[in-house]
Amino acid sequence: MVDAAAQPLLLSLLASGFGVAFLHAVLPTHWLPFVLVGRAQRWNASMTIAAVVAAGLAHIASTAVVGGLIAMAGLALEGWVAGLLPWLSAALLFAFGLFYLVRAAIRRPVLAGGPQVHAPEPGVSDRTAFLGLVAMMAISPGEVLLPFYLSSAEQGLGALTALTVAFAAGTVLGMSLFTVLARAGASILRLERWARFEGAVLGVALIAVGLLVATRVH
């Protein structure tokens, strides 16, 4: 059960987690493959969004597994060094934030945020294409979300579960929105060009959350 005094911090972390997850979904790797594969497989909107939802949930599930391990390691460390965990989580948030800011400043954006993703050759079954998209997201946990698990570790399992739900909601909503816009023809706006700002926005957001955690340490 979450302590009443810690509820404001938890609510702030949940809101920040939702926002960061949604912003992270702007990366073309989180929506472009679904548009390409959907066109190649001649999927309707419902089938494409079903793949988006399944893949988004798989992405967050793998993130939750890694995040849970990080949280357990942090709590074990907290037992040895009292009061270290909040400062450790704040430091980790700062480090991730600075990393994304620096990377955004020195690195040119790539259209798909990594290796180019191509639509499957004609003849690939819908099942294979669907599972391929899900697997693609499942094997790549959202590293930008992991510090939030450490920040909420002391709040207990309920807080970590709520955080995972917030991540899932933000990720699935963001992925679905950008996929729908691209399918509807809004790709003429070159949504992928906004990926260049993703690192800077995430960096600032993570540093802000780190400041929030640090100021709550007594």
N, C-alpha and C. Protein backbone atom coordinates (compact mmCIF):
# COMPACT_ATOMS: atom_id res chain seq x y z
N MET A 1 0.84 -1.20 0.00
CA MET A 1 0.00 0.00 0.00
C MET A 1 0.87 1.24 0.00
N VAL A 2 0.50 2.26 -0.78
CA VAL A 2 1.30 3.46 -0.91
C VAL A 2 1.05 4.39 0.26
N ASP A 3 2.13 4.85 0.91
CA ASP A 3 2.02 5.79 2.01
C ASP A 3 1.41 7.09 1.53
N ALA A 4 0.54 7.68 2.37
CA ALA A 4 -0.16 8.91 1.96
C ALA A 4 0.81 10.03 1.65
N ALA A 5 1.91 10.12 2.41
CA ALA A 5 2.87 11.19 2.19
C ALA A 5 3.59 11.03 0.86
N ALA A 6 3.66 9.80 0.36
CA ALA A 6 4.37 9.55 -0.89
C ALA A 6 3.46 9.62 -2.10
N GLN A 7 2.16 9.79 -1.89
CA GLN A 7 1.23 9.78 -3.01
C GLN A 7 1.48 10.90 -4.03
N PRO A 8 1.78 12.13 -3.60
CA PRO A 8 2.05 13.18 -4.60
C PRO A 8 3.22 12.83 -5.52
N LEU A 9 4.29 12.28 -4.92
CA LEU A 9 5.43 11.88 -5.73
C LEU A 9 5.06 10.77 -6.70
N LEU A 10 4.30 9.79 -6.21
CA LEU A 10 3.89 8.68 -7.07
C LEU A 10 3.02 9.16 -8.22
N LEU A 11 2.07 10.04 -7.91
CA LEU A 11 1.21 10.57 -8.96
C LEU A 11 2.02 11.35 -9.99
N SER A 12 3.02 12.09 -9.53
CA SER A 12 3.87 12.82 -10.46
C SER A 12 4.66 11.87 -11.35
N LEU A 13 5.17 10.79 -10.75
CA LEU A 13 5.92 9.81 -11.52
C LEU A 13 5.03 9.10 -12.54
N LEU A 14 3.78 8.80 -12.14
CA LEU A 14 2.86 8.15 -13.07
C LEU A 14 2.54 9.06 -14.25
N ALA A 15 2.27 10.34 -13.96
CA ALA A 15 1.98 11.29 -15.03
C ALA A 15 3.20 11.47 -15.93
N SER A 16 4.37 11.58 -15.32
CA SER A 16 5.59 11.73 -16.11
C SER A 16 5.86 10.48 -16.93
N GLY A 17 5.63 9.31 -16.32
CA GLY A 17 5.84 8.06 -17.03
C GLY A 17 4.94 7.93 -18.24
N PHE A 18 3.67 8.32 -18.08
CA PHE A 18 2.74 8.29 -19.20
C PHE A 18 3.22 9.22 -20.32
N GLY A 19 3.63 10.43 -19.92
CA GLY A 19 4.07 11.40 -20.92
C GLY A 19 5.33 10.96 -21.66
N VAL A 20 6.30 10.44 -20.92
CA VAL A 20 7.54 9.99 -21.55
C VAL A 20 7.27 8.80 -22.46
N ALA A 21 6.41 7.88 -22.03
CA ALA A 21 6.07 6.72 -22.87
C ALA A 21 5.40 7.18 -24.17
N PHE A 22 4.49 8.16 -24.05
CA PHE A 22 3.81 8.67 -25.25
C PHE A 22 4.81 9.34 -26.18
N LEU A 23 5.71 10.17 -25.64
CA LEU A 23 6.70 10.85 -26.47
C LEU A 23 7.66 9.86 -27.11
N HIS A 24 7.99 8.81 -26.37
CA HIS A 24 8.90 7.80 -26.91
C HIS A 24 8.30 7.11 -28.13
N ALA A 25 6.97 7.04 -28.16
CA ALA A 25 6.29 6.37 -29.28
C ALA A 25 6.38 7.15 -30.57
N VAL A 26 6.88 8.40 -30.52
CA VAL A 26 7.03 9.17 -31.75
C VAL A 26 8.13 8.60 -32.63
N LEU A 27 9.04 7.82 -32.05
CA LEU A 27 10.09 7.21 -32.86
C LEU A 27 9.46 6.38 -33.99
N PRO A 28 9.93 6.57 -35.22
CA PRO A 28 9.33 5.81 -36.35
C PRO A 28 9.36 4.30 -36.18
N THR A 29 10.32 3.79 -35.40
CA THR A 29 10.34 2.34 -35.17
C THR A 29 9.11 1.86 -34.42
N HIS A 30 8.37 2.77 -33.80
CA HIS A 30 7.20 2.40 -33.03
C HIS A 30 5.90 2.50 -33.84
N TRP A 31 5.97 2.97 -35.09
CA TRP A 31 4.75 3.03 -35.90
C TRP A 31 4.98 2.77 -37.38
N LEU A 32 6.15 3.14 -37.89
CA LEU A 32 6.40 2.96 -39.33
C LEU A 32 6.35 1.51 -39.78
N PRO A 33 6.94 0.55 -39.01
CA PRO A 33 6.86 -0.84 -39.44
C PRO A 33 5.42 -1.34 -39.58
N PHE A 34 4.53 -0.85 -38.74
CA PHE A 34 3.14 -1.30 -38.79
C PHE A 34 2.44 -0.76 -40.04
N VAL A 35 2.79 0.45 -40.43
CA VAL A 35 2.22 1.02 -41.65
C VAL A 35 2.73 0.25 -42.86
N LEU A 36 4.04 -0.02 -42.91
CA LEU A 36 4.62 -0.72 -44.06
C LEU A 36 4.11 -2.14 -44.17
N VAL A 37 4.12 -2.86 -43.05
CA VAL A 37 3.66 -4.25 -43.08
C VAL A 37 2.17 -4.32 -43.36
N GLY A 38 1.40 -3.40 -42.77
CA GLY A 38 -0.04 -3.38 -43.02
C GLY A 38 -0.36 -3.19 -44.49
N ARG A 39 0.38 -2.29 -45.15
CA ARG A 39 0.15 -2.08 -46.58
C ARG A 39 0.54 -3.31 -47.38
N ALA A 40 1.69 -3.91 -47.03
CA ALA A 40 2.16 -5.08 -47.77
C ALA A 40 1.20 -6.25 -47.61
N GLN A 41 0.62 -6.39 -46.44
CA GLN A 41 -0.30 -7.52 -46.17
C GLN A 41 -1.74 -7.19 -46.52
N ARG A 42 -1.96 -5.93 -46.94
CA ARG A 42 -3.32 -5.46 -47.26
C ARG A 42 -4.25 -5.59 -46.06
N TRP A 43 -3.73 -5.25 -44.89
CA TRP A 43 -4.54 -5.29 -43.68
C TRP A 43 -5.48 -4.09 -43.64
N ASN A 44 -6.65 -4.29 -43.04
CA ASN A 44 -7.52 -3.15 -42.78
C ASN A 44 -7.06 -2.44 -41.52
N ALA A 45 -7.70 -1.34 -41.18
CA ALA A 45 -7.27 -0.55 -40.03
C ALA A 45 -7.35 -1.35 -38.74
N SER A 46 -8.39 -2.16 -38.59
CA SER A 46 -8.57 -2.94 -37.36
C SER A 46 -7.43 -3.92 -37.16
N MET A 47 -7.02 -4.60 -38.22
CA MET A 47 -5.94 -5.57 -38.12
C MET A 47 -4.62 -4.88 -37.79
N THR A 48 -4.39 -3.74 -38.42
CA THR A 48 -3.15 -3.00 -38.17
C THR A 48 -3.09 -2.53 -36.72
N ILE A 49 -4.17 -1.97 -36.21
CA ILE A 49 -4.19 -1.48 -34.84
C ILE A 49 -4.09 -2.65 -33.85
N ALA A 50 -4.67 -3.80 -34.20
CA ALA A 50 -4.53 -4.97 -33.33
C ALA A 50 -3.06 -5.35 -33.19
N ALA A 51 -2.32 -5.28 -34.29
CA ALA A 51 -0.89 -5.57 -34.25
C ALA A 51 -0.16 -4.53 -33.40
N VAL A 52 -0.56 -3.26 -33.55
CA VAL A 52 0.05 -2.18 -32.76
C VAL A 52 -0.16 -2.41 -31.27
N VAL A 53 -1.39 -2.72 -30.89
CA VAL A 53 -1.70 -2.92 -29.47
C VAL A 53 -0.94 -4.12 -28.90
N ALA A 54 -0.95 -5.23 -29.63
CA ALA A 54 -0.25 -6.43 -29.17
C ALA A 54 1.24 -6.18 -29.03
N ALA A 55 1.82 -5.51 -30.03
CA ALA A 55 3.25 -5.23 -29.99
C ALA A 55 3.59 -4.23 -28.89
N GLY A 56 2.74 -3.22 -28.72
CA GLY A 56 2.98 -2.24 -27.66
C GLY A 56 2.95 -2.86 -26.28
N LEU A 57 1.99 -3.75 -26.06
CA LEU A 57 1.89 -4.43 -24.77
C LEU A 57 3.08 -5.37 -24.55
N ALA A 58 3.53 -6.02 -25.61
CA ALA A 58 4.71 -6.89 -25.50
C ALA A 58 5.95 -6.06 -25.17
N HIS A 59 6.04 -4.88 -25.78
CA HIS A 59 7.15 -3.96 -25.52
C HIS A 59 7.19 -3.56 -24.05
N ILE A 60 6.03 -3.24 -23.49
CA ILE A 60 5.97 -2.83 -22.09
C ILE A 60 6.15 -4.02 -21.15
N ALA A 61 5.69 -5.19 -21.56
CA ALA A 61 5.87 -6.39 -20.73
C ALA A 61 7.36 -6.68 -20.53
N SER A 62 8.12 -6.62 -21.63
CA SER A 62 9.56 -6.87 -21.50
C SER A 62 10.24 -5.76 -20.70
N THR A 63 9.74 -4.52 -20.86
CA THR A 63 10.28 -3.41 -20.08
C THR A 63 10.00 -3.62 -18.59
N ALA A 64 8.79 -4.11 -18.27
CA ALA A 64 8.42 -4.35 -16.88
C ALA A 64 9.28 -5.43 -16.25
N VAL A 65 9.60 -6.46 -17.01
CA VAL A 65 10.45 -7.54 -16.48
C VAL A 65 11.83 -6.98 -16.11
N VAL A 66 12.43 -6.24 -17.05
CA VAL A 66 13.75 -5.67 -16.78
C VAL A 66 13.66 -4.63 -15.66
N GLY A 67 12.62 -3.80 -15.70
CA GLY A 67 12.44 -2.79 -14.67
C GLY A 67 12.23 -3.40 -13.29
N GLY A 68 11.49 -4.51 -13.23
CA GLY A 68 11.28 -5.19 -11.95
C GLY A 68 12.58 -5.72 -11.37
N LEU A 69 13.44 -6.25 -12.23
CA LEU A 69 14.74 -6.73 -11.77
C LEU A 69 15.58 -5.59 -11.24
N ILE A 70 15.52 -4.45 -11.93
CA ILE A 70 16.26 -3.27 -11.48
C ILE A 70 15.73 -2.80 -10.13
N ALA A 71 14.40 -2.79 -9.98
CA ALA A 71 13.80 -2.36 -8.72
C ALA A 71 14.20 -3.29 -7.57
N MET A 72 14.20 -4.61 -7.82
CA MET A 72 14.58 -5.55 -6.76
C MET A 72 16.04 -5.37 -6.38
N ALA A 73 16.89 -5.14 -7.37
CA ALA A 73 18.31 -4.91 -7.08
C ALA A 73 18.47 -3.63 -6.27
N GLY A 74 17.70 -2.61 -6.61
CA GLY A 74 17.78 -1.36 -5.88
C GLY A 74 17.34 -1.50 -4.44
N LEU A 75 16.27 -2.27 -4.21
CA LEU A 75 15.79 -2.48 -2.85
C LEU A 75 16.79 -3.29 -2.02
N ALA A 76 17.43 -4.26 -2.67
CA ALA A 76 18.45 -5.04 -1.97
C ALA A 76 19.60 -4.14 -1.55
N LEU A 77 19.97 -3.24 -2.43
CA LEU A 77 21.04 -2.29 -2.11
C LEU A 77 20.61 -1.34 -1.00
N GLU A 78 19.32 -0.94 -1.03
CA GLU A 78 18.79 -0.05 -0.01
C GLU A 78 18.90 -0.66 1.38
N GLY A 79 18.79 -1.98 1.46
CA GLY A 79 18.90 -2.63 2.75
C GLY A 79 20.29 -2.51 3.36
N TRP A 80 21.29 -2.35 2.51
CA TRP A 80 22.65 -2.21 2.99
C TRP A 80 23.03 -0.75 3.24
N VAL A 81 22.52 0.13 2.40
CA VAL A 81 22.87 1.54 2.52
C VAL A 81 21.58 2.34 2.66
N ALA A 82 21.19 2.67 3.87
CA ALA A 82 19.92 3.37 4.11
C ALA A 82 19.89 4.73 3.44
N GLY A 83 18.77 5.01 2.79
CA GLY A 83 18.60 6.32 2.17
C GLY A 83 19.25 6.48 0.82
N LEU A 84 19.91 5.43 0.31
CA LEU A 84 20.63 5.58 -0.95
C LEU A 84 19.71 5.53 -2.16
N LEU A 85 18.64 4.73 -2.06
CA LEU A 85 17.82 4.46 -3.23
C LEU A 85 17.26 5.71 -3.89
N PRO A 86 16.66 6.67 -3.14
CA PRO A 86 16.14 7.86 -3.82
C PRO A 86 17.22 8.64 -4.57
N TRP A 87 18.41 8.76 -3.95
CA TRP A 87 19.49 9.48 -4.61
C TRP A 87 19.99 8.70 -5.83
N LEU A 88 20.02 7.37 -5.71
CA LEU A 88 20.46 6.55 -6.83
C LEU A 88 19.50 6.67 -8.01
N SER A 89 18.21 6.65 -7.73
CA SER A 89 17.22 6.77 -8.80
C SER A 89 17.29 8.16 -9.44
N ALA A 90 17.47 9.20 -8.61
CA ALA A 90 17.59 10.56 -9.15
C ALA A 90 18.82 10.68 -10.04
N ALA A 91 19.93 10.09 -9.58
CA ALA A 91 21.16 10.14 -10.37
C ALA A 91 20.99 9.40 -11.70
N LEU A 92 20.30 8.28 -11.65
CA LEU A 92 20.08 7.51 -12.87
C LEU A 92 19.20 8.28 -13.85
N LEU A 93 18.17 8.96 -13.34
CA LEU A 93 17.32 9.78 -14.19
C LEU A 93 18.11 10.92 -14.81
N PHE A 94 18.96 11.57 -14.01
CA PHE A 94 19.82 12.63 -14.53
C PHE A 94 20.72 12.09 -15.64
N ALA A 95 21.33 10.93 -15.38
CA ALA A 95 22.27 10.35 -16.34
C ALA A 95 21.57 10.03 -17.66
N PHE A 96 20.40 9.42 -17.59
CA PHE A 96 19.65 9.12 -18.80
C PHE A 96 19.26 10.40 -19.52
N GLY A 97 18.82 11.40 -18.75
CA GLY A 97 18.43 12.66 -19.36
C GLY A 97 19.57 13.32 -20.09
N LEU A 98 20.74 13.38 -19.44
CA LEU A 98 21.92 13.98 -20.08
C LEU A 98 22.34 13.19 -21.31
N PHE A 99 22.24 11.86 -21.21
CA PHE A 99 22.60 11.02 -22.35
C PHE A 99 21.75 11.35 -23.57
N TYR A 100 20.43 11.46 -23.36
CA TYR A 100 19.54 11.75 -24.49
C TYR A 100 19.75 13.16 -25.02
N LEU A 101 20.04 14.12 -24.14
CA LEU A 101 20.30 15.48 -24.60
C LEU A 101 21.57 15.54 -25.43
N VAL A 102 22.63 14.89 -24.96
CA VAL A 102 23.90 14.89 -25.70
C VAL A 102 23.75 14.17 -27.02
N ARG A 103 23.06 13.02 -27.00
CA ARG A 103 22.89 12.27 -28.24
C ARG A 103 22.07 13.06 -29.25
N ALA A 104 21.07 13.80 -28.76
CA ALA A 104 20.26 14.61 -29.67
C ALA A 104 21.08 15.74 -30.28
N ALA A 105 22.09 16.22 -29.53
CA ALA A 105 22.89 17.34 -30.01
C ALA A 105 23.94 16.92 -31.03
N ILE A 106 24.45 15.68 -30.92
CA ILE A 106 25.57 15.29 -31.77
C ILE A 106 25.22 14.26 -32.83
N ARG A 107 24.00 13.73 -32.77
CA ARG A 107 23.67 12.64 -33.69
C ARG A 107 22.55 13.04 -34.62
N ARG A 108 22.74 12.79 -35.91
CA ARG A 108 21.69 13.05 -36.87
C ARG A 108 20.64 11.97 -36.79
N PRO A 109 19.36 12.33 -36.88
CA PRO A 109 18.30 11.32 -36.79
C PRO A 109 18.29 10.39 -38.00
N VAL A 110 17.95 9.15 -37.73
CA VAL A 110 17.79 8.17 -38.79
C VAL A 110 16.31 7.93 -38.98
N LEU A 111 15.86 7.77 -40.19
CA LEU A 111 14.44 7.70 -40.50
C LEU A 111 13.69 6.73 -39.60
N ALA A 112 14.26 5.55 -39.40
CA ALA A 112 13.56 4.55 -38.60
C ALA A 112 14.18 4.38 -37.23
N GLY A 113 15.03 5.31 -36.83
CA GLY A 113 15.60 5.25 -35.50
C GLY A 113 16.56 4.08 -35.31
N GLY A 114 17.08 3.53 -36.38
CA GLY A 114 17.98 2.39 -36.29
C GLY A 114 18.00 1.70 -37.64
N PRO A 115 18.19 0.39 -37.66
CA PRO A 115 18.17 -0.33 -38.92
C PRO A 115 16.86 -0.12 -39.65
N GLN A 116 16.93 0.10 -40.95
CA GLN A 116 15.73 0.32 -41.74
C GLN A 116 14.84 -0.91 -41.71
N VAL A 117 13.57 -0.68 -41.59
CA VAL A 117 12.59 -1.77 -41.53
C VAL A 117 11.87 -1.84 -42.86
N HIS A 118 11.86 -3.00 -43.45
CA HIS A 118 11.22 -3.18 -44.75
C HIS A 118 9.98 -4.04 -44.61
N ALA A 119 9.04 -3.78 -45.44
CA ALA A 119 7.83 -4.60 -45.44
C ALA A 119 8.17 -6.01 -45.89
N PRO A 120 7.46 -7.01 -45.41
CA PRO A 120 7.74 -8.38 -45.81
C PRO A 120 7.40 -8.60 -47.26
N GLU A 121 8.11 -9.55 -47.85
CA GLU A 121 7.85 -9.92 -49.24
C GLU A 121 6.44 -10.47 -49.37
N PRO A 122 5.81 -10.25 -50.52
CA PRO A 122 4.49 -10.84 -50.75
C PRO A 122 4.55 -12.35 -50.53
N GLY A 123 3.54 -12.89 -49.92
CA GLY A 123 3.53 -14.32 -49.66
C GLY A 123 3.74 -14.64 -48.19
N VAL A 124 4.23 -13.66 -47.41
CA VAL A 124 4.35 -13.87 -45.97
C VAL A 124 2.95 -13.94 -45.39
N SER A 125 2.71 -14.94 -44.55
CA SER A 125 1.37 -15.09 -43.98
C SER A 125 1.07 -13.97 -43.01
N ASP A 126 -0.23 -13.68 -42.82
CA ASP A 126 -0.61 -12.65 -41.87
C ASP A 126 -0.14 -13.00 -40.47
N ARG A 127 -0.21 -14.26 -40.12
CA ARG A 127 0.22 -14.70 -38.79
C ARG A 127 1.70 -14.43 -38.58
N THR A 128 2.51 -14.77 -39.60
CA THR A 128 3.95 -14.54 -39.51
C THR A 128 4.27 -13.05 -39.40
N ALA A 129 3.59 -12.25 -40.22
CA ALA A 129 3.82 -10.81 -40.17
C ALA A 129 3.41 -10.22 -38.82
N PHE A 130 2.27 -10.66 -38.32
CA PHE A 130 1.76 -10.17 -37.04
C PHE A 130 2.73 -10.53 -35.91
N LEU A 131 3.11 -11.79 -35.83
CA LEU A 131 4.01 -12.23 -34.77
C LEU A 131 5.39 -11.59 -34.90
N GLY A 132 5.80 -11.34 -36.14
CA GLY A 132 7.09 -10.69 -36.35
C GLY A 132 7.11 -9.28 -35.77
N LEU A 133 6.01 -8.55 -35.95
CA LEU A 133 5.92 -7.20 -35.40
C LEU A 133 5.92 -7.24 -33.88
N VAL A 134 5.18 -8.19 -33.31
CA VAL A 134 5.13 -8.31 -31.86
C VAL A 134 6.52 -8.66 -31.30
N ALA A 135 7.19 -9.61 -31.95
CA ALA A 135 8.52 -10.02 -31.48
C ALA A 135 9.51 -8.87 -31.59
N MET A 136 9.40 -8.08 -32.66
CA MET A 136 10.29 -6.95 -32.86
C MET A 136 10.26 -6.00 -31.67
N MET A 137 9.06 -5.75 -31.14
CA MET A 137 8.93 -4.84 -30.01
C MET A 137 9.22 -5.52 -28.67
N ALA A 138 8.93 -6.82 -28.59
CA ALA A 138 9.13 -7.54 -27.32
C ALA A 138 10.60 -7.67 -26.97
N ILE A 139 11.47 -7.79 -27.97
CA ILE A 139 12.90 -8.01 -27.69
C ILE A 139 13.65 -6.70 -27.49
N SER A 140 12.93 -5.58 -27.49
CA SER A 140 13.60 -4.29 -27.30
C SER A 140 12.92 -3.50 -26.19
N PRO A 141 13.24 -3.80 -24.93
CA PRO A 141 12.63 -3.05 -23.81
C PRO A 141 12.89 -1.56 -23.94
N GLY A 142 11.97 -0.76 -23.44
CA GLY A 142 12.13 0.70 -23.49
C GLY A 142 13.10 1.17 -22.44
N GLU A 143 14.37 1.33 -22.83
CA GLU A 143 15.38 1.68 -21.83
C GLU A 143 15.13 3.03 -21.18
N VAL A 144 14.45 3.92 -21.90
CA VAL A 144 14.19 5.25 -21.33
C VAL A 144 13.19 5.18 -20.17
N LEU A 145 12.42 4.09 -20.08
CA LEU A 145 11.41 3.95 -19.03
C LEU A 145 11.95 3.28 -17.77
N LEU A 146 13.10 2.63 -17.88
CA LEU A 146 13.60 1.82 -16.77
C LEU A 146 13.90 2.61 -15.49
N PRO A 147 14.45 3.83 -15.56
CA PRO A 147 14.73 4.55 -14.30
C PRO A 147 13.49 4.79 -13.45
N PHE A 148 12.32 4.84 -14.08
CA PHE A 148 11.09 5.09 -13.33
C PHE A 148 10.79 3.93 -12.36
N TYR A 149 11.18 2.71 -12.75
CA TYR A 149 10.95 1.57 -11.86
C TYR A 149 11.81 1.70 -10.60
N LEU A 150 13.03 2.16 -10.77
CA LEU A 150 13.89 2.34 -9.61
C LEU A 150 13.36 3.45 -8.72
N SER A 151 12.82 4.51 -9.34
CA SER A 151 12.28 5.62 -8.56
C SER A 151 11.08 5.21 -7.72
N SER A 152 10.32 4.21 -8.19
CA SER A 152 9.09 3.79 -7.51
C SER A 152 9.26 2.51 -6.71
N ALA A 153 10.48 1.99 -6.63
CA ALA A 153 10.69 0.69 -6.00
C ALA A 153 10.22 0.66 -4.56
N GLU A 154 10.47 1.74 -3.81
CA GLU A 154 10.10 1.75 -2.39
C GLU A 154 8.59 1.81 -2.18
N GLN A 155 7.84 2.16 -3.20
CA GLN A 155 6.39 2.30 -3.05
C GLN A 155 5.66 0.96 -3.07
N GLY A 156 6.35 -0.10 -3.45
CA GLY A 156 5.74 -1.42 -3.40
C GLY A 156 5.23 -1.90 -4.75
N LEU A 157 4.71 -3.12 -4.74
CA LEU A 157 4.25 -3.76 -5.96
C LEU A 157 3.10 -3.01 -6.61
N GLY A 158 2.20 -2.45 -5.78
CA GLY A 158 1.06 -1.71 -6.34
C GLY A 158 1.52 -0.52 -7.15
N ALA A 159 2.53 0.19 -6.67
CA ALA A 159 3.04 1.36 -7.39
C ALA A 159 3.71 0.94 -8.70
N LEU A 160 4.48 -0.16 -8.65
CA LEU A 160 5.15 -0.63 -9.86
C LEU A 160 4.12 -1.10 -10.89
N THR A 161 3.05 -1.71 -10.42
CA THR A 161 1.99 -2.14 -11.33
C THR A 161 1.31 -0.93 -11.97
N ALA A 162 1.01 0.08 -11.14
CA ALA A 162 0.39 1.30 -11.68
C ALA A 162 1.29 1.98 -12.68
N LEU A 163 2.59 1.98 -12.42
CA LEU A 163 3.55 2.58 -13.33
C LEU A 163 3.57 1.83 -14.66
N THR A 164 3.51 0.51 -14.60
CA THR A 164 3.49 -0.30 -15.82
C THR A 164 2.22 -0.01 -16.64
N VAL A 165 1.09 0.14 -15.95
CA VAL A 165 -0.16 0.47 -16.64
C VAL A 165 -0.04 1.84 -17.32
N ALA A 166 0.57 2.81 -16.63
CA ALA A 166 0.75 4.14 -17.22
C ALA A 166 1.64 4.06 -18.45
N PHE A 167 2.72 3.26 -18.37
CA PHE A 167 3.60 3.07 -19.52
C PHE A 167 2.84 2.44 -20.69
N ALA A 168 2.05 1.42 -20.38
CA ALA A 168 1.31 0.72 -21.43
C ALA A 168 0.32 1.66 -22.10
N ALA A 169 -0.39 2.46 -21.29
CA ALA A 169 -1.37 3.39 -21.85
C ALA A 169 -0.70 4.43 -22.74
N GLY A 170 0.39 5.02 -22.27
CA GLY A 170 1.08 6.03 -23.07
C GLY A 170 1.68 5.46 -24.34
N THR A 171 2.28 4.28 -24.23
CA THR A 171 2.92 3.66 -25.39
C THR A 171 1.90 3.25 -26.45
N VAL A 172 0.87 2.53 -26.03
CA VAL A 172 -0.13 2.05 -26.98
C VAL A 172 -0.88 3.22 -27.62
N LEU A 173 -1.21 4.23 -26.80
CA LEU A 173 -1.90 5.40 -27.34
C LEU A 173 -1.03 6.12 -28.37
N GLY A 174 0.24 6.34 -28.04
CA GLY A 174 1.13 7.01 -28.97
C GLY A 174 1.35 6.22 -30.25
N MET A 175 1.63 4.93 -30.12
CA MET A 175 1.85 4.09 -31.30
C MET A 175 0.61 4.06 -32.18
N SER A 176 -0.55 3.92 -31.56
CA SER A 176 -1.79 3.85 -32.33
C SER A 176 -2.07 5.16 -33.05
N LEU A 177 -1.86 6.27 -32.35
CA LEU A 177 -2.13 7.58 -32.95
C LEU A 177 -1.27 7.83 -34.18
N PHE A 178 0.03 7.60 -34.06
CA PHE A 178 0.92 7.87 -35.19
C PHE A 178 0.69 6.88 -36.34
N THR A 179 0.34 5.65 -35.99
CA THR A 179 0.04 4.67 -37.04
C THR A 179 -1.22 5.07 -37.80
N VAL A 180 -2.25 5.48 -37.07
CA VAL A 180 -3.51 5.89 -37.71
C VAL A 180 -3.28 7.13 -38.59
N LEU A 181 -2.52 8.09 -38.09
CA LEU A 181 -2.24 9.30 -38.87
C LEU A 181 -1.51 8.96 -40.16
N ALA A 182 -0.52 8.08 -40.05
CA ALA A 182 0.24 7.70 -41.25
C ALA A 182 -0.64 6.94 -42.24
N ARG A 183 -1.45 6.02 -41.74
CA ARG A 183 -2.36 5.28 -42.62
C ARG A 183 -3.35 6.20 -43.31
N ALA A 184 -3.77 7.25 -42.61
CA ALA A 184 -4.77 8.16 -43.16
C ALA A 184 -4.19 9.16 -44.15
N GLY A 185 -2.88 9.12 -44.31
CA GLY A 185 -2.26 10.01 -45.28
C GLY A 185 -1.55 11.18 -44.66
N ALA A 186 -1.51 11.25 -43.31
CA ALA A 186 -0.83 12.35 -42.67
C ALA A 186 0.67 12.22 -42.77
N SER A 187 1.17 11.13 -43.37
CA SER A 187 2.61 10.97 -43.55
C SER A 187 3.16 12.04 -44.47
N ILE A 188 2.26 12.72 -45.21
CA ILE A 188 2.72 13.82 -46.05
C ILE A 188 3.30 14.95 -45.20
N LEU A 189 2.93 14.95 -43.90
CA LEU A 189 3.48 15.94 -42.97
C LEU A 189 4.86 15.55 -42.49
N ARG A 190 5.32 14.38 -42.96
CA ARG A 190 6.64 13.88 -42.58
C ARG A 190 6.77 13.80 -41.06
N LEU A 191 5.91 12.97 -40.46
CA LEU A 191 5.94 12.81 -39.01
C LEU A 191 7.30 12.36 -38.52
N GLU A 192 8.03 11.60 -39.38
CA GLU A 192 9.32 11.09 -38.93
C GLU A 192 10.33 12.19 -38.64
N ARG A 193 10.10 13.39 -39.21
CA ARG A 193 11.06 14.46 -38.97
C ARG A 193 11.04 14.92 -37.52
N TRP A 194 9.91 14.68 -36.82
CA TRP A 194 9.83 15.09 -35.42
C TRP A 194 10.67 14.20 -34.53
N ALA A 195 11.14 13.06 -35.05
CA ALA A 195 11.98 12.17 -34.25
C ALA A 195 13.26 12.86 -33.82
N ARG A 196 13.71 13.88 -34.58
CA ARG A 196 14.94 14.56 -34.23
C ARG A 196 14.82 15.28 -32.88
N PHE A 197 13.59 15.61 -32.49
CA PHE A 197 13.40 16.32 -31.23
C PHE A 197 13.12 15.38 -30.07
N GLU A 198 12.92 14.09 -30.37
CA GLU A 198 12.53 13.15 -29.33
C GLU A 198 13.58 13.05 -28.23
N GLY A 199 14.85 12.97 -28.62
CA GLY A 199 15.91 12.85 -27.64
C GLY A 199 15.97 14.05 -26.71
N ALA A 200 15.85 15.25 -27.27
CA ALA A 200 15.90 16.46 -26.44
C ALA A 200 14.72 16.52 -25.48
N VAL A 201 13.51 16.20 -25.99
CA VAL A 201 12.32 16.26 -25.14
C VAL A 201 12.41 15.23 -24.01
N LEU A 202 12.83 14.00 -24.36
CA LEU A 202 12.96 12.96 -23.35
C LEU A 202 14.03 13.33 -22.33
N GLY A 203 15.14 13.89 -22.81
CA GLY A 203 16.21 14.29 -21.91
C GLY A 203 15.74 15.30 -20.88
N VAL A 204 15.04 16.33 -21.34
CA VAL A 204 14.53 17.36 -20.44
C VAL A 204 13.52 16.75 -19.46
N ALA A 205 12.64 15.87 -19.98
CA ALA A 205 11.62 15.26 -19.12
C ALA A 205 12.26 14.40 -18.03
N LEU A 206 13.27 13.62 -18.38
CA LEU A 206 13.92 12.75 -17.40
C LEU A 206 14.67 13.56 -16.35
N ILE A 207 15.34 14.63 -16.77
CA ILE A 207 16.04 15.47 -15.81
C ILE A 207 15.04 16.13 -14.86
N ALA A 208 13.88 16.55 -15.40
CA ALA A 208 12.86 17.16 -14.55
C ALA A 208 12.35 16.17 -13.51
N VAL A 209 12.13 14.92 -13.93
CA VAL A 209 11.68 13.91 -12.97
C VAL A 209 12.78 13.63 -11.93
N GLY A 210 14.04 13.62 -12.38
CA GLY A 210 15.14 13.44 -11.45
C GLY A 210 15.18 14.53 -10.40
N LEU A 211 14.92 15.77 -10.81
CA LEU A 211 14.86 16.88 -9.87
C LEU A 211 13.70 16.68 -8.88
N LEU A 212 12.58 16.19 -9.40
CA LEU A 212 11.43 15.95 -8.53
C LEU A 212 11.76 14.92 -7.47
N VAL A 213 12.41 13.84 -7.88
CA VAL A 213 12.79 12.78 -6.93
C VAL A 213 13.78 13.33 -5.91
N ALA A 214 14.78 14.08 -6.39
CA ALA A 214 15.81 14.59 -5.50
C ALA A 214 15.24 15.55 -4.47
N THR A 215 14.29 16.38 -4.86
CA THR A 215 13.73 17.38 -3.93
C THR A 215 12.84 16.72 -2.90
N ARG A 216 12.40 15.47 -3.16
CA ARG A 216 11.54 14.77 -2.20
C ARG A 216 12.35 13.97 -1.18
N VAL A 217 13.66 13.91 -1.37
CA VAL A 217 14.49 13.15 -0.45
C VAL A 217 14.66 13.94 0.84
N HIS A 218 14.41 13.31 1.96
CA HIS A 218 14.51 13.98 3.26
C HIS A 218 15.74 13.46 3.99
